[in-house]
Amino acid sequence: MSQRKQAKVLASTPAALIASAPDLETLKRDFELQALPDQNGLQWVQATPRQKEGQLTNMKVGFRGDQLAALEILDSFGQRSVLTFNGMQVNTAVSAEAFRFTPPKGADVVQAP
Protein backbone atom coordinates (compact mmCIF):
# COMPACT_ATOMS: atom_id res chain seq x y z
CA MET A 1 0.00 0.00 0.00
CA SER A 2 1.28 3.48 -0.76
CA GLN A 3 0.24 6.81 0.67
CA ARG A 4 0.29 10.09 -1.30
CA LYS A 5 -1.13 13.58 -0.96
CA GLN A 6 -4.72 13.76 -2.21
CA ALA A 7 -4.16 16.89 -4.31
CA LYS A 8 -1.33 15.21 -6.21
CA VAL A 9 -3.23 11.98 -6.84
CA LEU A 10 -6.50 13.60 -7.90
CA ALA A 11 -5.11 16.29 -10.20
CA SER A 12 -6.46 15.99 -13.75
CA THR A 13 -8.94 13.24 -12.87
CA PRO A 14 -12.73 13.09 -13.15
CA ALA A 15 -12.85 13.58 -9.37
CA ALA A 16 -10.84 16.81 -9.70
CA LEU A 17 -13.15 18.05 -12.43
CA ILE A 18 -16.27 17.39 -10.36
CA ALA A 19 -14.73 18.85 -7.19
CA SER A 20 -13.57 22.04 -8.89
CA ALA A 21 -16.64 22.52 -11.11
CA PRO A 22 -18.18 25.23 -8.89
CA ASP A 23 -14.95 27.25 -9.07
CA LEU A 24 -14.44 28.17 -12.73
CA GLU A 25 -10.96 29.63 -12.17
CA THR A 26 -9.70 26.42 -10.53
CA LEU A 27 -11.32 24.39 -13.30
CA LYS A 28 -9.59 26.48 -15.99
CA ARG A 29 -6.26 26.11 -14.17
CA ASP A 30 -6.43 22.30 -14.31
CA PHE A 31 -8.31 21.76 -17.60
CA GLU A 32 -8.53 23.30 -21.05
CA LEU A 33 -12.26 23.74 -21.73
CA GLN A 34 -13.97 23.72 -25.12
CA ALA A 35 -17.71 23.95 -25.85
CA LEU A 36 -19.13 21.12 -27.94
CA PRO A 37 -22.45 20.87 -29.82
CA ASP A 38 -25.54 19.83 -27.84
CA GLN A 39 -26.31 16.13 -28.17
CA ASN A 40 -29.01 13.83 -26.75
CA GLY A 41 -30.64 16.71 -24.88
CA LEU A 42 -27.41 17.63 -23.06
CA GLN A 43 -25.02 20.57 -23.32
CA TRP A 44 -21.44 19.26 -23.69
CA VAL A 45 -18.00 20.60 -22.77
CA GLN A 46 -14.69 18.90 -23.51
CA ALA A 47 -12.19 19.09 -20.64
CA THR A 48 -8.58 18.26 -21.51
CA PRO A 49 -6.15 18.05 -18.57
CA ARG A 50 -3.32 20.57 -18.69
CA GLN A 51 -1.00 18.05 -16.98
CA LYS A 52 -0.11 15.38 -19.52
CA GLU A 53 1.48 12.85 -17.09
CA GLY A 54 -1.80 11.26 -16.03
CA GLN A 55 -3.74 8.39 -17.53
CA LEU A 56 -6.57 10.65 -18.62
CA THR A 57 -6.57 11.92 -22.22
CA ASN A 58 -9.80 13.93 -22.14
CA MET A 59 -13.32 14.06 -20.78
CA LYS A 60 -16.59 15.18 -22.23
CA VAL A 61 -18.93 16.57 -19.60
CA GLY A 62 -22.68 16.64 -20.25
CA PHE A 63 -25.03 19.01 -18.43
CA ARG A 64 -28.80 19.11 -18.22
CA GLY A 65 -29.33 22.75 -17.32
CA ASP A 66 -26.90 23.42 -14.47
CA GLN A 67 -26.81 19.78 -13.32
CA LEU A 68 -24.04 17.33 -14.18
CA ALA A 69 -25.68 14.54 -16.24
CA ALA A 70 -22.83 12.57 -17.86
CA LEU A 71 -19.09 12.09 -18.07
CA GLU A 72 -17.43 10.44 -21.05
CA ILE A 73 -13.82 9.61 -20.21
CA LEU A 74 -11.05 8.64 -22.64
CA ASP A 75 -7.87 7.27 -21.06
CA SER A 76 -4.35 6.89 -22.42
CA PHE A 77 -5.07 3.22 -23.28
CA GLY A 78 -7.89 4.27 -25.62
CA GLN A 79 -10.60 2.99 -23.28
CA ARG A 80 -13.82 4.98 -23.16
CA SER A 81 -15.96 5.03 -20.00
CA VAL A 82 -19.36 6.68 -19.73
CA LEU A 83 -20.91 7.62 -16.38
CA THR A 84 -24.43 9.00 -16.06
CA PHE A 85 -25.77 10.90 -13.06
CA ASN A 86 -29.37 11.08 -11.80
CA GLY A 87 -30.70 12.63 -8.61
CA MET A 88 -27.31 14.02 -7.68
CA GLN A 89 -27.12 16.01 -4.43
CA VAL A 90 -24.43 18.69 -4.29
CA ASN A 91 -22.65 19.91 -1.15
CA THR A 92 -24.41 17.61 1.30
CA ALA A 93 -22.85 17.32 4.75
CA VAL A 94 -20.54 14.33 5.19
CA SER A 95 -18.89 13.40 8.47
CA ALA A 96 -15.08 13.37 8.55
CA GLU A 97 -15.37 9.88 10.04
CA ALA A 98 -16.70 8.64 6.68
CA PHE A 99 -13.20 9.22 5.25
CA ARG A 100 -11.11 7.67 8.03
CA PHE A 101 -9.03 4.78 6.73
CA THR A 102 -7.29 2.28 8.96
CA PRO A 103 -4.90 -0.05 7.13
CA PRO A 104 -5.63 -3.73 7.71
CA LYS A 105 -3.51 -5.49 10.31
CA GLY A 106 -0.20 -6.60 8.79
CA ALA A 107 -0.33 -4.11 5.86
CA ASP A 108 2.81 -2.13 5.04
CA VAL A 109 2.25 1.58 4.47
CA VAL A 110 4.79 3.40 2.29
CA GLN A 111 4.57 7.19 2.19
CA ALA A 112 5.36 8.67 -1.24
CA PRO A 113 7.12 12.06 -1.37
C-alpha atoms as a PDB file:
ATOM      1  CA  MET A   1       0.000   0.000   0.000  1.00  0.00           C
ATOM      2  CA  SER A   2       1.284   3.479  -0.762  1.00  0.00           C
ATOM      3  CA  GLN A   3       0.244   6.806   0.673  1.00  0.00           C
ATOM      4  CA  ARG A   4       0.290  10.087  -1.301  1.00  0.00           C
ATOM      5  CA  LYS A   5      -1.131  13.577  -0.962  1.00  0.00           C
ATOM      6  CA  GLN A   6      -4.722  13.757  -2.206  1.00  0.00           C
ATOM      7  CA  ALA A   7      -4.157  16.892  -4.314  1.00  0.00           C
ATOM      8  CA  LYS A   8      -1.326  15.210  -6.211  1.00  0.00           C
ATOM      9  CA  VAL A   9      -3.228  11.979  -6.842  1.00  0.00           C
ATOM     10  CA  LEU A  10      -6.505  13.597  -7.899  1.00  0.00           C
ATOM     11  CA  ALA A  11      -5.113  16.290 -10.198  1.00  0.00           C
ATOM     12  CA  SER A  12      -6.457  15.990 -13.751  1.00  0.00           C
ATOM     13  CA  THR A  13      -8.935  13.242 -12.873  1.00  0.00           C
ATOM     14  CA  PRO A  14     -12.730  13.091 -13.149  1.00  0.00           C
ATOM     15  CA  ALA A  15     -12.847  13.585  -9.366  1.00  0.00           C
ATOM     16  CA  ALA A  16     -10.839  16.813  -9.703  1.00  0.00           C
ATOM     17  CA  LEU A  17     -13.147  18.047 -12.428  1.00  0.00           C
ATOM     18  CA  ILE A  18     -16.265  17.386 -10.360  1.00  0.00           C
ATOM     19  CA  ALA A  19     -14.732  18.853  -7.188  1.00  0.00           C
ATOM     20  CA  SER A  20     -13.568  22.043  -8.886  1.00  0.00           C
ATOM     21  CA  ALA A  21     -16.640  22.519 -11.107  1.00  0.00           C
ATOM     22  CA  PRO A  22     -18.183  25.232  -8.888  1.00  0.00           C
ATOM     23  CA  ASP A  23     -14.945  27.247  -9.067  1.00  0.00           C
ATOM     24  CA  LEU A  24     -14.441  28.165 -12.732  1.00  0.00           C
ATOM     25  CA  GLU A  25     -10.959  29.635 -12.171  1.00  0.00           C
ATOM     26  CA  THR A  26      -9.705  26.423 -10.534  1.00  0.00           C
ATOM     27  CA  LEU A  27     -11.320  24.394 -13.303  1.00  0.00           C
ATOM     28  CA  LYS A  28      -9.588  26.485 -15.990  1.00  0.00           C
ATOM     29  CA  ARG A  29      -6.261  26.111 -14.170  1.00  0.00           C
ATOM     30  CA  ASP A  30      -6.430  22.301 -14.313  1.00  0.00           C
ATOM     31  CA  PHE A  31      -8.314  21.760 -17.597  1.00  0.00           C
ATOM     32  CA  GLU A  32      -8.527  23.302 -21.047  1.00  0.00           C
ATOM     33  CA  LEU A  33     -12.265  23.741 -21.728  1.00  0.00           C
ATOM     34  CA  GLN A  34     -13.966  23.716 -25.118  1.00  0.00           C
ATOM     35  CA  ALA A  35     -17.705  23.954 -25.845  1.00  0.00           C
ATOM     36  CA  LEU A  36     -19.135  21.116 -27.936  1.00  0.00           C
ATOM     37  CA  PRO A  37     -22.451  20.869 -29.816  1.00  0.00           C
ATOM     38  CA  ASP A  38     -25.545  19.827 -27.845  1.00  0.00           C
ATOM     39  CA  GLN A  39     -26.308  16.129 -28.170  1.00  0.00           C
ATOM     40  CA  ASN A  40     -29.013  13.835 -26.752  1.00  0.00           C
ATOM     41  CA  GLY A  41     -30.644  16.706 -24.877  1.00  0.00           C
ATOM     42  CA  LEU A  42     -27.407  17.633 -23.062  1.00  0.00           C
ATOM     43  CA  GLN A  43     -25.020  20.569 -23.317  1.00  0.00           C
ATOM     44  CA  TRP A  44     -21.442  19.259 -23.686  1.00  0.00           C
ATOM     45  CA  VAL A  45     -18.005  20.598 -22.768  1.00  0.00           C
ATOM     46  CA  GLN A  46     -14.690  18.903 -23.513  1.00  0.00           C
ATOM     47  CA  ALA A  47     -12.192  19.094 -20.639  1.00  0.00           C
ATOM     48  CA  THR A  48      -8.579  18.258 -21.505  1.00  0.00           C
ATOM     49  CA  PRO A  49      -6.146  18.053 -18.573  1.00  0.00           C
ATOM     50  CA  ARG A  50      -3.316  20.572 -18.693  1.00  0.00           C
ATOM     51  CA  GLN A  51      -0.997  18.055 -16.983  1.00  0.00           C
ATOM     52  CA  LYS A  52      -0.114  15.376 -19.515  1.00  0.00           C
ATOM     53  CA  GLU A  53       1.479  12.854 -17.093  1.00  0.00           C
ATOM     54  CA  GLY A  54      -1.805  11.258 -16.028  1.00  0.00           C
ATOM     55  CA  GLN A  55      -3.738   8.388 -17.535  1.00  0.00           C
ATOM     56  CA  LEU A  56      -6.574  10.653 -18.620  1.00  0.00           C
ATOM     57  CA  THR A  57      -6.567  11.920 -22.220  1.00  0.00           C
ATOM     58  CA  ASN A  58      -9.798  13.929 -22.140  1.00  0.00           C
ATOM     59  CA  MET A  59     -13.320  14.059 -20.783  1.00  0.00           C
ATOM     60  CA  LYS A  60     -16.590  15.176 -22.232  1.00  0.00           C
ATOM     61  CA  VAL A  61     -18.932  16.571 -19.604  1.00  0.00           C
ATOM     62  CA  GLY A  62     -22.678  16.635 -20.254  1.00  0.00           C
ATOM     63  CA  PHE A  63     -25.029  19.013 -18.431  1.00  0.00           C
ATOM     64  CA  ARG A  64     -28.802  19.108 -18.225  1.00  0.00           C
ATOM     65  CA  GLY A  65     -29.333  22.748 -17.322  1.00  0.00           C
ATOM     66  CA  ASP A  66     -26.899  23.420 -14.473  1.00  0.00           C
ATOM     67  CA  GLN A  67     -26.811  19.778 -13.322  1.00  0.00           C
ATOM     68  CA  LEU A  68     -24.040  17.325 -14.176  1.00  0.00           C
ATOM     69  CA  ALA A  69     -25.684  14.542 -16.237  1.00  0.00           C
ATOM     70  CA  ALA A  70     -22.835  12.570 -17.863  1.00  0.00           C
ATOM     71  CA  LEU A  71     -19.086  12.090 -18.071  1.00  0.00           C
ATOM     72  CA  GLU A  72     -17.432  10.437 -21.049  1.00  0.00           C
ATOM     73  CA  ILE A  73     -13.817   9.614 -20.207  1.00  0.00           C
ATOM     74  CA  LEU A  74     -11.054   8.640 -22.642  1.00  0.00           C
ATOM     75  CA  ASP A  75      -7.872   7.273 -21.057  1.00  0.00           C
ATOM     76  CA  SER A  76      -4.349   6.887 -22.424  1.00  0.00           C
ATOM     77  CA  PHE A  77      -5.071   3.221 -23.275  1.00  0.00           C
ATOM     78  CA  GLY A  78      -7.887   4.274 -25.618  1.00  0.00           C
ATOM     79  CA  GLN A  79     -10.596   2.993 -23.277  1.00  0.00           C
ATOM     80  CA  ARG A  80     -13.816   4.983 -23.156  1.00  0.00           C
ATOM     81  CA  SER A  81     -15.956   5.031 -20.005  1.00  0.00           C
ATOM     82  CA  VAL A  82     -19.362   6.685 -19.730  1.00  0.00           C
ATOM     83  CA  LEU A  83     -20.908   7.616 -16.385  1.00  0.00           C
ATOM     84  CA  THR A  84     -24.428   8.995 -16.059  1.00  0.00           C
ATOM     85  CA  PHE A  85     -25.774  10.902 -13.062  1.00  0.00           C
ATOM     86  CA  ASN A  86     -29.370  11.075 -11.800  1.00  0.00           C
ATOM     87  CA  GLY A  87     -30.703  12.627  -8.607  1.00  0.00           C
ATOM     88  CA  MET A  88     -27.313  14.023  -7.680  1.00  0.00           C
ATOM     89  CA  GLN A  89     -27.123  16.010  -4.427  1.00  0.00           C
ATOM     90  CA  VAL A  90     -24.433  18.688  -4.295  1.00  0.00           C
ATOM     91  CA  ASN A  91     -22.647  19.914  -1.150  1.00  0.00           C
ATOM     92  CA  THR A  92     -24.412  17.609   1.297  1.00  0.00           C
ATOM     93  CA  ALA A  93     -22.851  17.319   4.753  1.00  0.00           C
ATOM     94  CA  VAL A  94     -20.536  14.329   5.189  1.00  0.00           C
ATOM     95  CA  SER A  95     -18.895  13.395   8.474  1.00  0.00           C
ATOM     96  CA  ALA A  96     -15.079  13.371   8.553  1.00  0.00           C
ATOM     97  CA  GLU A  97     -15.370   9.877  10.035  1.00  0.00           C
ATOM     98  CA  ALA A  98     -16.698   8.640   6.680  1.00  0.00           C
ATOM     99  CA  PHE A  99     -13.204   9.215   5.255  1.00  0.00           C
ATOM    100  CA  ARG A 100     -11.110   7.673   8.032  1.00  0.00           C
ATOM    101  CA  PHE A 101      -9.031   4.775   6.725  1.00  0.00           C
ATOM    102  CA  THR A 102      -7.294   2.284   8.960  1.00  0.00           C
ATOM    103  CA  PRO A 103      -4.902  -0.052   7.129  1.00  0.00           C
ATOM    104  CA  PRO A 104      -5.634  -3.733   7.711  1.00  0.00           C
ATOM    105  CA  LYS A 105      -3.514  -5.486  10.307  1.00  0.00           C
ATOM    106  CA  GLY A 106      -0.205  -6.597   8.788  1.00  0.00           C
ATOM    107  CA  ALA A 107      -0.328  -4.112   5.857  1.00  0.00           C
ATOM    108  CA  ASP A 108       2.811  -2.133   5.037  1.00  0.00           C
ATOM    109  CA  VAL A 109       2.250   1.584   4.472  1.00  0.00           C
ATOM    110  CA  VAL A 110       4.787   3.403   2.290  1.00  0.00           C
ATOM    111  CA  GLN A 111       4.567   7.193   2.188  1.00  0.00           C
ATOM    112  CA  ALA A 112       5.362   8.669  -1.236  1.00  0.00           C
ATOM    113  CA  PRO A 113       7.116  12.058  -1.369  1.00  0.00           C
END
